[in-house]
């Protein structure tokens, strides 16, 4: 069996804040989404013509009319919809570490930085508005080059 990650979904009561985070922080764009019986957005990394590029599905919770979501995906206790629950984090491979560090600083977003021993990866961990931990993996040589540059970040 061939297996590849397609997307992850977030249920939120604040669709605008969630959209803003994924657009402004990760540079994803809102693209086509099927006409589901509940509000939401599909956030794309790449061409909107390829639905497989919709890597984050944001599911809006409509407190006034929750029936469509409950029927389609099943009901959830809204109090439990914070953080990543039993899933610790969601990770992406990325490039452009220096630019992302400057971008995050400009947005006032703090991140936790780590070097993975023996793998050649440098990681940034940040939290989305609903408490989902996002991990960005960069080639370690980008961090080494950054440290070696006179201006650094």
N, C-alpha and C. Protein backbone atom coordinates (compact mmCIF):
# COMPACT_ATOMS: atom_id res chain seq x y z
N UNK A 1 0.85 -1.18 0.00
CA UNK A 1 0.00 0.00 0.00
C UNK A 1 0.89 1.24 0.00
N UNK A 2 0.63 2.15 -0.91
CA UNK A 2 1.30 3.44 -0.90
C UNK A 2 0.51 4.36 0.03
N UNK A 3 1.22 5.12 0.84
CA UNK A 3 0.56 5.98 1.80
C UNK A 3 1.28 7.32 1.85
N UNK A 4 0.52 8.41 1.79
CA UNK A 4 1.09 9.75 1.88
C UNK A 4 0.09 10.63 2.63
N UNK A 5 0.60 11.57 3.42
CA UNK A 5 -0.27 12.49 4.13
C UNK A 5 -0.96 13.39 3.12
N UNK A 6 -2.27 13.52 3.24
CA UNK A 6 -3.06 14.34 2.32
C UNK A 6 -3.35 15.71 2.92
N UNK A 7 -3.86 15.75 4.13
CA UNK A 7 -4.19 17.01 4.79
C UNK A 7 -4.44 16.73 6.26
N UNK A 8 -4.56 17.82 7.02
CA UNK A 8 -5.10 17.68 8.37
C UNK A 8 -6.21 18.70 8.51
N UNK A 9 -7.14 18.42 9.41
CA UNK A 9 -8.31 19.27 9.60
C UNK A 9 -8.34 19.81 11.02
N UNK A 10 -8.85 21.02 11.12
CA UNK A 10 -8.99 21.69 12.40
C UNK A 10 -10.44 22.13 12.54
N UNK A 11 -11.06 21.83 13.66
CA UNK A 11 -12.39 22.37 13.95
C UNK A 11 -12.17 23.62 14.79
N UNK A 12 -12.84 24.69 14.39
CA UNK A 12 -12.63 25.95 15.10
C UNK A 12 -13.92 26.74 15.21
N UNK A 13 -14.00 27.52 16.27
CA UNK A 13 -15.10 28.47 16.42
C UNK A 13 -14.69 29.84 15.90
N UNK A 14 -13.43 29.99 15.50
CA UNK A 14 -12.95 31.27 15.00
C UNK A 14 -12.28 31.08 13.64
N UNK A 15 -13.12 30.95 12.63
CA UNK A 15 -12.67 30.70 11.26
C UNK A 15 -11.71 31.80 10.78
N UNK A 16 -12.01 33.06 11.10
CA UNK A 16 -11.18 34.17 10.62
C UNK A 16 -9.78 34.13 11.21
N UNK A 17 -9.66 33.90 12.51
CA UNK A 17 -8.33 33.85 13.14
C UNK A 17 -7.52 32.68 12.59
N UNK A 18 -8.17 31.56 12.38
CA UNK A 18 -7.49 30.38 11.84
C UNK A 18 -7.01 30.66 10.42
N UNK A 19 -7.88 31.21 9.60
CA UNK A 19 -7.50 31.56 8.22
C UNK A 19 -6.33 32.53 8.23
N UNK A 20 -6.43 33.56 9.04
CA UNK A 20 -5.38 34.57 9.13
C UNK A 20 -4.03 33.95 9.47
N UNK A 21 -4.01 33.03 10.42
CA UNK A 21 -2.76 32.37 10.81
C UNK A 21 -2.15 31.61 9.64
N UNK A 22 -2.92 30.76 9.01
CA UNK A 22 -2.37 29.92 7.93
C UNK A 22 -2.01 30.73 6.69
N UNK A 23 -2.70 31.84 6.46
CA UNK A 23 -2.34 32.72 5.35
C UNK A 23 -1.09 33.53 5.67
N UNK A 24 -1.13 34.23 6.80
CA UNK A 24 -0.05 35.17 7.11
C UNK A 24 1.23 34.49 7.60
N UNK A 25 1.10 33.43 8.35
CA UNK A 25 2.28 32.78 8.93
C UNK A 25 2.89 31.76 7.96
N UNK A 26 2.08 30.87 7.42
CA UNK A 26 2.61 29.81 6.55
C UNK A 26 2.48 30.11 5.07
N UNK A 27 1.78 31.18 4.70
CA UNK A 27 1.66 31.54 3.30
C UNK A 27 0.72 30.66 2.49
N UNK A 28 -0.16 29.93 3.16
CA UNK A 28 -1.14 29.11 2.44
C UNK A 28 -2.23 30.04 1.90
N UNK A 29 -2.96 29.58 0.89
CA UNK A 29 -4.01 30.39 0.29
C UNK A 29 -5.32 29.63 0.28
N UNK A 30 -6.40 30.38 0.41
CA UNK A 30 -7.74 29.78 0.37
C UNK A 30 -8.06 29.41 -1.07
N UNK A 31 -8.50 28.18 -1.25
CA UNK A 31 -8.85 27.71 -2.58
C UNK A 31 -10.19 27.00 -2.59
N UNK A 32 -10.50 26.34 -3.69
CA UNK A 32 -11.79 25.66 -3.84
C UNK A 32 -12.04 24.63 -2.74
N UNK A 33 -13.31 24.53 -2.37
CA UNK A 33 -13.74 23.58 -1.34
C UNK A 33 -15.11 23.07 -1.74
N UNK A 34 -15.36 21.78 -1.56
CA UNK A 34 -16.69 21.27 -1.87
C UNK A 34 -17.76 21.97 -1.02
N UNK A 35 -18.98 21.91 -1.50
CA UNK A 35 -20.09 22.55 -0.78
C UNK A 35 -20.61 21.63 0.32
N UNK A 36 -19.83 21.56 1.39
CA UNK A 36 -20.23 20.77 2.55
C UNK A 36 -21.36 21.48 3.30
N UNK A 37 -22.11 20.73 4.12
CA UNK A 37 -23.22 21.35 4.86
C UNK A 37 -22.76 22.04 6.15
N UNK A 38 -21.57 22.63 6.13
CA UNK A 38 -21.03 23.36 7.28
C UNK A 38 -19.97 24.33 6.76
N UNK A 39 -19.69 25.40 7.50
CA UNK A 39 -18.71 26.37 7.03
C UNK A 39 -17.29 25.82 7.09
N UNK A 40 -16.41 26.40 6.30
CA UNK A 40 -15.02 25.99 6.36
C UNK A 40 -14.21 26.55 5.21
N UNK A 41 -12.94 26.26 5.23
CA UNK A 41 -11.99 26.71 4.22
C UNK A 41 -11.00 25.59 3.94
N UNK A 42 -10.53 25.51 2.70
CA UNK A 42 -9.41 24.64 2.37
C UNK A 42 -8.23 25.54 2.07
N UNK A 43 -7.13 25.33 2.77
CA UNK A 43 -5.92 26.14 2.62
C UNK A 43 -4.92 25.36 1.77
N UNK A 44 -4.48 25.99 0.68
CA UNK A 44 -3.64 25.34 -0.32
C UNK A 44 -2.18 25.77 -0.22
N UNK A 45 -1.32 24.84 -0.52
CA UNK A 45 0.10 25.08 -0.73
C UNK A 45 0.35 24.71 -2.19
N UNK A 46 0.28 25.71 -3.06
CA UNK A 46 0.47 25.42 -4.48
C UNK A 46 -0.79 25.65 -5.28
N UNK A 47 -0.81 25.06 -6.44
CA UNK A 47 -1.85 25.23 -7.44
C UNK A 47 -3.23 24.83 -6.91
N UNK A 48 -4.19 25.75 -7.04
CA UNK A 48 -5.55 25.48 -6.58
C UNK A 48 -6.27 24.47 -7.47
N UNK A 49 -5.74 24.19 -8.65
CA UNK A 49 -6.38 23.22 -9.55
C UNK A 49 -6.18 21.78 -9.05
N UNK A 50 -5.22 21.58 -8.17
CA UNK A 50 -4.95 20.26 -7.61
C UNK A 50 -5.48 20.20 -6.18
N UNK A 51 -6.60 19.52 -5.96
CA UNK A 51 -7.16 19.48 -4.62
C UNK A 51 -6.22 18.81 -3.62
N UNK A 52 -5.26 18.03 -4.11
CA UNK A 52 -4.28 17.41 -3.21
C UNK A 52 -3.35 18.46 -2.59
N UNK A 53 -3.36 19.69 -3.11
CA UNK A 53 -2.56 20.77 -2.52
C UNK A 53 -3.29 21.46 -1.37
N UNK A 54 -4.51 21.04 -1.08
CA UNK A 54 -5.27 21.59 0.05
C UNK A 54 -4.80 20.87 1.31
N UNK A 55 -3.71 21.35 1.91
CA UNK A 55 -3.05 20.62 2.98
C UNK A 55 -3.66 20.85 4.36
N UNK A 56 -4.41 21.94 4.52
CA UNK A 56 -5.09 22.20 5.79
C UNK A 56 -6.56 22.47 5.50
N UNK A 57 -7.42 21.69 6.14
CA UNK A 57 -8.86 21.89 6.02
C UNK A 57 -9.34 22.51 7.33
N UNK A 58 -9.90 23.69 7.25
CA UNK A 58 -10.42 24.36 8.44
C UNK A 58 -11.93 24.17 8.46
N UNK A 59 -12.40 23.58 9.54
CA UNK A 59 -13.82 23.26 9.69
C UNK A 59 -14.42 24.26 10.67
N UNK A 60 -15.34 25.08 10.17
CA UNK A 60 -15.99 26.07 11.02
C UNK A 60 -17.13 25.45 11.81
N UNK A 61 -17.21 25.81 13.06
CA UNK A 61 -18.30 25.36 13.92
C UNK A 61 -19.36 26.45 13.94
N UNK A 62 -20.52 26.13 13.43
CA UNK A 62 -21.65 27.07 13.44
C UNK A 62 -22.53 26.72 14.62
N UNK A 63 -22.42 27.49 15.68
CA UNK A 63 -23.18 27.19 16.90
C UNK A 63 -24.69 27.33 16.69
N UNK A 64 -25.09 28.15 15.72
CA UNK A 64 -26.51 28.35 15.46
C UNK A 64 -27.12 27.20 14.66
N UNK A 65 -26.30 26.51 13.86
CA UNK A 65 -26.80 25.41 13.02
C UNK A 65 -25.73 24.32 12.92
N UNK A 66 -25.49 23.58 14.01
CA UNK A 66 -24.43 22.56 14.00
C UNK A 66 -24.82 21.25 13.32
N UNK A 67 -26.04 21.12 12.88
CA UNK A 67 -26.53 19.84 12.35
C UNK A 67 -25.76 19.31 11.16
N UNK A 68 -25.40 20.19 10.21
CA UNK A 68 -24.68 19.73 9.01
C UNK A 68 -23.35 19.12 9.36
N UNK A 69 -22.59 19.75 10.25
CA UNK A 69 -21.29 19.23 10.67
C UNK A 69 -21.46 17.95 11.47
N UNK A 70 -22.39 17.97 12.41
CA UNK A 70 -22.61 16.79 13.24
C UNK A 70 -23.00 15.58 12.39
N UNK A 71 -23.83 15.80 11.38
CA UNK A 71 -24.27 14.70 10.53
C UNK A 71 -23.14 14.22 9.63
N UNK A 72 -22.35 15.14 9.10
CA UNK A 72 -21.31 14.77 8.13
C UNK A 72 -20.08 14.16 8.80
N UNK A 73 -19.57 14.80 9.85
CA UNK A 73 -18.33 14.32 10.48
C UNK A 73 -18.54 13.77 11.89
N UNK A 74 -19.70 14.02 12.46
CA UNK A 74 -19.93 13.58 13.83
C UNK A 74 -19.73 14.73 14.81
N UNK A 75 -20.48 14.70 15.88
CA UNK A 75 -20.41 15.76 16.88
C UNK A 75 -19.17 15.62 17.75
N UNK A 76 -18.72 16.74 18.27
CA UNK A 76 -17.59 16.78 19.20
C UNK A 76 -17.91 17.77 20.31
N UNK A 77 -17.45 17.47 21.49
CA UNK A 77 -17.59 18.40 22.60
C UNK A 77 -16.68 19.59 22.34
N UNK A 78 -17.26 20.76 22.22
CA UNK A 78 -16.50 21.96 21.89
C UNK A 78 -15.39 22.24 22.91
N UNK A 79 -15.60 21.86 24.17
CA UNK A 79 -14.58 22.09 25.21
C UNK A 79 -13.31 21.28 24.93
N UNK A 80 -13.43 20.19 24.18
CA UNK A 80 -12.28 19.34 23.89
C UNK A 80 -11.53 19.79 22.64
N UNK A 81 -12.00 20.84 21.97
CA UNK A 81 -11.41 21.27 20.71
C UNK A 81 -10.35 22.35 20.93
N UNK A 82 -9.34 21.99 21.66
CA UNK A 82 -8.24 22.92 21.91
C UNK A 82 -6.94 22.13 21.90
N UNK A 83 -5.93 22.71 21.27
CA UNK A 83 -4.64 22.01 21.22
C UNK A 83 -4.68 20.85 20.26
N UNK A 84 -3.74 19.97 20.41
CA UNK A 84 -3.63 18.86 19.48
C UNK A 84 -4.11 17.53 20.06
N UNK A 85 -4.64 17.55 21.28
CA UNK A 85 -5.17 16.33 21.85
C UNK A 85 -4.13 15.23 21.88
N UNK A 86 -4.50 14.05 21.41
CA UNK A 86 -3.55 12.94 21.43
C UNK A 86 -2.51 13.05 20.32
N UNK A 87 -2.78 13.89 19.32
CA UNK A 87 -1.78 14.14 18.29
C UNK A 87 -0.89 15.26 18.81
N UNK A 88 0.41 15.03 18.86
CA UNK A 88 1.32 16.01 19.45
C UNK A 88 1.53 17.22 18.57
N UNK A 89 1.74 17.04 17.27
CA UNK A 89 1.99 18.17 16.38
C UNK A 89 1.83 17.74 14.93
N UNK A 90 1.80 18.73 14.04
CA UNK A 90 1.75 18.50 12.60
C UNK A 90 2.99 19.15 12.02
N UNK A 91 3.70 18.43 11.12
CA UNK A 91 4.99 18.92 10.62
C UNK A 91 5.00 19.09 9.11
N UNK A 92 5.77 20.09 8.68
CA UNK A 92 6.00 20.36 7.26
C UNK A 92 7.49 20.45 7.01
N UNK A 93 7.95 19.99 5.86
CA UNK A 93 9.29 20.32 5.40
C UNK A 93 9.21 21.72 4.81
N UNK A 94 10.27 22.50 4.98
CA UNK A 94 10.26 23.88 4.48
C UNK A 94 11.67 24.28 4.08
N UNK A 95 11.77 25.42 3.43
CA UNK A 95 13.07 26.03 3.17
C UNK A 95 12.91 27.53 3.38
N UNK A 96 14.04 28.23 3.50
CA UNK A 96 13.98 29.66 3.75
C UNK A 96 13.88 29.99 5.23
N UNK A 97 14.74 29.37 6.04
CA UNK A 97 14.71 29.56 7.49
C UNK A 97 14.88 31.03 7.88
N UNK A 98 15.87 31.70 7.32
CA UNK A 98 16.13 33.09 7.69
C UNK A 98 14.90 33.96 7.43
N UNK A 99 14.29 33.78 6.27
CA UNK A 99 13.10 34.55 5.94
C UNK A 99 11.95 34.26 6.88
N UNK A 100 11.77 32.99 7.25
CA UNK A 100 10.68 32.65 8.16
C UNK A 100 10.92 33.23 9.55
N UNK A 101 12.16 33.18 10.04
CA UNK A 101 12.44 33.75 11.35
C UNK A 101 12.16 35.25 11.36
N UNK A 102 12.52 35.94 10.30
CA UNK A 102 12.23 37.37 10.20
C UNK A 102 10.72 37.60 10.11
N UNK A 103 10.05 36.77 9.33
CA UNK A 103 8.60 36.86 9.16
C UNK A 103 7.89 36.69 10.50
N UNK A 104 8.26 35.66 11.25
CA UNK A 104 7.64 35.41 12.55
C UNK A 104 7.90 36.56 13.51
N UNK A 105 9.14 37.08 13.52
CA UNK A 105 9.47 38.21 14.39
C UNK A 105 8.61 39.42 14.02
N UNK A 106 8.43 39.66 12.74
CA UNK A 106 7.61 40.78 12.29
C UNK A 106 6.16 40.65 12.69
N UNK A 107 5.68 39.42 12.80
CA UNK A 107 4.30 39.18 13.22
C UNK A 107 4.17 39.08 14.74
N UNK A 108 5.31 39.09 15.43
CA UNK A 108 5.28 38.96 16.89
C UNK A 108 4.94 37.56 17.35
N UNK A 109 5.27 36.56 16.52
CA UNK A 109 4.98 35.17 16.87
C UNK A 109 6.25 34.51 17.39
N UNK A 110 6.16 33.99 18.59
CA UNK A 110 7.29 33.29 19.18
C UNK A 110 7.30 31.85 18.69
N UNK A 111 8.51 31.31 18.55
CA UNK A 111 8.63 29.90 18.19
C UNK A 111 9.73 29.27 19.04
N UNK A 112 9.64 27.96 19.13
CA UNK A 112 10.66 27.20 19.83
C UNK A 112 11.56 26.59 18.77
N UNK A 113 12.87 26.71 18.94
CA UNK A 113 13.83 26.26 17.93
C UNK A 113 14.63 25.08 18.46
N UNK A 114 14.84 24.09 17.59
CA UNK A 114 15.57 22.88 17.98
C UNK A 114 16.40 22.36 16.81
N UNK A 115 17.53 21.76 17.13
CA UNK A 115 18.33 21.04 16.14
C UNK A 115 18.14 19.56 16.42
N UNK A 116 17.74 18.79 15.41
CA UNK A 116 17.54 17.35 15.58
C UNK A 116 18.90 16.66 15.51
N UNK A 117 19.30 15.99 16.58
CA UNK A 117 20.61 15.35 16.57
C UNK A 117 20.70 14.26 15.50
N UNK A 118 21.75 14.34 14.68
CA UNK A 118 22.04 13.28 13.72
C UNK A 118 21.21 13.26 12.45
N UNK A 119 20.20 14.12 12.31
CA UNK A 119 19.35 14.07 11.12
C UNK A 119 19.57 15.21 10.15
N UNK A 120 20.26 16.25 10.56
CA UNK A 120 20.46 17.38 9.67
C UNK A 120 19.21 18.22 9.50
N UNK A 121 18.37 18.29 10.54
CA UNK A 121 17.15 19.09 10.49
C UNK A 121 17.19 20.15 11.59
N UNK A 122 16.72 21.34 11.24
CA UNK A 122 16.53 22.40 12.21
C UNK A 122 15.04 22.69 12.25
N UNK A 123 14.48 22.73 13.46
CA UNK A 123 13.03 22.81 13.60
C UNK A 123 12.56 24.09 14.27
N UNK A 124 11.42 24.56 13.82
CA UNK A 124 10.68 25.63 14.48
C UNK A 124 9.34 25.05 14.89
N UNK A 125 8.95 25.31 16.14
CA UNK A 125 7.64 24.89 16.63
C UNK A 125 6.85 26.14 16.99
N UNK A 126 5.61 26.25 16.50
CA UNK A 126 4.75 27.37 16.82
C UNK A 126 3.33 26.87 16.98
N UNK A 127 2.49 27.70 17.58
CA UNK A 127 1.12 27.30 17.88
C UNK A 127 0.14 28.13 17.07
N UNK A 128 -0.85 27.45 16.47
CA UNK A 128 -1.88 28.18 15.73
C UNK A 128 -2.91 28.72 16.74
N UNK A 129 -3.89 29.51 16.30
CA UNK A 129 -4.84 30.12 17.24
C UNK A 129 -5.67 29.13 18.05
N UNK A 130 -5.79 27.89 17.57
CA UNK A 130 -6.56 26.88 18.31
C UNK A 130 -5.66 25.96 19.12
N UNK A 131 -4.36 26.30 19.20
CA UNK A 131 -3.44 25.51 20.01
C UNK A 131 -2.85 24.31 19.30
N UNK A 132 -3.01 24.22 17.98
CA UNK A 132 -2.38 23.14 17.23
C UNK A 132 -0.90 23.47 17.07
N UNK A 133 -0.04 22.55 17.45
CA UNK A 133 1.40 22.77 17.33
C UNK A 133 1.83 22.46 15.90
N UNK A 134 2.48 23.44 15.28
CA UNK A 134 2.99 23.31 13.92
C UNK A 134 4.50 23.22 13.99
N UNK A 135 5.07 22.21 13.34
CA UNK A 135 6.52 22.02 13.26
C UNK A 135 6.96 22.29 11.84
N UNK A 136 7.96 23.15 11.69
CA UNK A 136 8.55 23.43 10.38
C UNK A 136 9.97 22.90 10.40
N UNK A 137 10.28 21.99 9.46
CA UNK A 137 11.60 21.36 9.38
C UNK A 137 12.41 21.96 8.25
N UNK A 138 13.57 22.50 8.58
CA UNK A 138 14.48 23.11 7.62
C UNK A 138 15.78 22.33 7.57
N UNK A 139 16.48 22.35 6.44
CA UNK A 139 17.81 21.73 6.40
C UNK A 139 18.72 22.43 7.41
N UNK A 140 19.46 21.65 8.19
CA UNK A 140 20.33 22.22 9.23
C UNK A 140 21.37 23.17 8.65
N UNK A 141 21.76 22.95 7.38
CA UNK A 141 22.76 23.84 6.79
C UNK A 141 22.24 25.28 6.69
N UNK A 142 20.92 25.47 6.63
CA UNK A 142 20.38 26.82 6.62
C UNK A 142 20.64 27.53 7.94
N UNK A 143 20.52 26.80 9.05
CA UNK A 143 20.80 27.39 10.36
C UNK A 143 22.29 27.68 10.49
N UNK A 144 23.14 26.75 10.02
CA UNK A 144 24.58 26.97 10.09
C UNK A 144 24.98 28.20 9.29
N UNK A 145 24.41 28.38 8.11
CA UNK A 145 24.71 29.55 7.28
C UNK A 145 24.23 30.83 7.97
N UNK A 146 23.10 30.75 8.59
CA UNK A 146 22.55 31.89 9.32
C UNK A 146 23.46 32.29 10.47
N UNK A 147 23.93 31.28 11.23
CA UNK A 147 24.84 31.54 12.34
C UNK A 147 26.17 32.11 11.87
N UNK A 148 26.60 31.72 10.69
CA UNK A 148 27.88 32.18 10.16
C UNK A 148 27.79 33.56 9.53
N UNK A 149 26.59 34.03 9.22
CA UNK A 149 26.45 35.33 8.56
C UNK A 149 26.66 36.45 9.57
N UNK A 150 27.21 37.58 9.15
CA UNK A 150 27.48 38.69 10.07
C UNK A 150 26.21 39.28 10.70
N UNK A 151 25.08 39.29 9.96
CA UNK A 151 23.87 39.88 10.52
C UNK A 151 23.04 38.91 11.31
N UNK A 152 23.09 37.61 10.99
CA UNK A 152 22.30 36.62 11.72
C UNK A 152 20.83 37.00 11.79
N UNK A 153 20.05 36.27 12.56
CA UNK A 153 18.65 36.62 12.80
C UNK A 153 18.39 36.49 14.26
